[in-house]
Amino acid sequence: MQWELNDSAPAGHPATNPNTVATYTVLDADVAIQPATRTGYSFLGWYADPAFTGSPVTNLHTMDAENKHYYARWSTDALQCHPII
């Protein structure tokens, strides 16, 4: 299993992945996937393809035993500016 954090741009904003599952078997219980974190960004989910189509993946279904690759999707947090009067 591979986790792609997609955090290379812009530089200086690394992401943290709390998911430590690297392998599993059909005998293991399903695993809830945890959100990644990244300063200045909102996490939009883990996706099974790099184009982020379909719905985010929220669980590893261990009965579906095959190699997996998940991609993190982010949106930048908007800065709120308030004029000083």
Protein backbone atom coordinates (compact mmCIF):
# COMPACT_ATOMS: atom_id res chain seq x y z
CA MET A 1 0.00 0.00 0.00
CA GLN A 2 1.24 3.47 -0.87
CA TRP A 3 0.13 6.85 0.42
CA GLU A 4 0.82 9.89 -1.81
CA LEU A 5 0.56 13.11 0.21
CA ASN A 6 0.77 15.44 -2.84
CA ASP A 7 2.52 18.06 -0.70
CA SER A 8 5.47 19.05 -2.88
CA ALA A 9 4.06 22.41 -3.96
CA PRO A 10 4.37 24.93 -2.57
CA ALA A 11 7.57 24.01 -0.80
CA GLY A 12 7.66 24.45 2.94
CA HIS A 13 4.19 23.05 3.62
CA PRO A 14 4.77 19.35 4.36
CA ALA A 15 1.84 17.09 5.20
CA THR A 16 1.57 14.52 7.96
CA ASN A 17 -0.05 11.12 7.40
CA PRO A 18 -1.43 9.40 10.52
CA ASN A 19 -2.11 6.19 8.59
CA THR A 20 0.52 3.59 9.39
CA VAL A 21 -1.02 0.63 7.57
CA ALA A 22 1.44 -0.57 4.95
CA THR A 23 0.14 -4.11 4.45
CA TYR A 24 -2.92 -6.17 5.36
CA THR A 25 -4.47 -9.54 4.61
CA VAL A 26 -8.02 -10.77 4.06
CA LEU A 27 -7.93 -12.04 7.66
CA ASP A 28 -7.50 -8.52 9.08
CA ALA A 29 -10.42 -6.33 10.15
CA ASP A 30 -11.37 -3.39 7.93
CA VAL A 31 -9.43 -0.23 8.76
CA ALA A 32 -10.82 3.33 8.94
CA ILE A 33 -8.57 5.72 7.03
CA GLN A 34 -7.58 8.84 8.98
CA PRO A 35 -7.26 12.31 7.44
CA ALA A 36 -3.85 13.77 6.74
CA THR A 37 -2.93 17.23 8.03
CA ARG A 38 -1.07 20.13 6.45
CA THR A 39 -0.66 23.67 7.74
CA GLY A 40 -2.57 26.17 5.59
CA TYR A 41 -4.63 23.49 3.82
CA SER A 42 -7.89 21.63 4.28
CA PHE A 43 -7.82 17.90 3.68
CA LEU A 44 -10.50 16.85 1.16
CA GLY A 45 -9.94 13.10 1.33
CA TRP A 46 -7.95 10.09 0.16
CA TYR A 47 -8.69 9.05 -3.43
CA ALA A 48 -7.92 5.85 -5.27
CA ASP A 49 -6.75 7.70 -8.40
CA PRO A 50 -4.59 10.79 -8.99
CA ALA A 51 -7.43 12.59 -10.84
CA PHE A 52 -9.54 12.54 -7.64
CA THR A 53 -12.61 11.14 -9.40
CA GLY A 54 -15.41 9.45 -7.51
CA SER A 55 -15.85 9.58 -3.76
CA PRO A 56 -13.04 9.72 -1.21
CA VAL A 57 -11.97 6.40 0.27
CA THR A 58 -12.78 6.20 4.00
CA ASN A 59 -12.10 2.53 4.79
CA LEU A 60 -9.68 -0.18 3.74
CA HIS A 61 -11.81 -3.19 2.96
CA THR A 62 -9.42 -6.02 3.68
CA MET A 63 -11.46 -8.55 1.71
CA ASP A 64 -10.41 -6.53 -1.36
CA ALA A 65 -6.84 -7.82 -1.11
CA GLU A 66 -4.83 -6.08 -3.83
CA ASN A 67 -2.11 -3.45 -4.04
CA LYS A 68 -3.51 -0.01 -3.28
CA HIS A 69 -2.27 3.53 -3.89
CA TYR A 70 -4.09 6.46 -2.29
CA TYR A 71 -3.75 10.16 -3.14
CA ALA A 72 -4.39 13.07 -0.76
CA ARG A 73 -6.51 15.93 -2.05
CA TRP A 74 -6.09 19.41 -0.58
CA SER A 75 -7.55 22.89 -0.86
CA THR A 76 -5.76 25.98 0.35
CA ASP A 77 -7.23 27.72 3.36
CA ALA A 78 -8.35 31.19 2.37
CA LEU A 79 -6.91 34.03 4.38
CA GLN A 80 -9.55 36.24 5.89
CA CYS A 81 -8.66 39.88 5.56
CA HIS A 82 -10.62 42.53 7.40
CA PRO A 83 -10.10 46.17 6.51
CA ILE A 84 -9.02 48.43 9.34
CA ILE A 85 -11.18 51.54 9.45
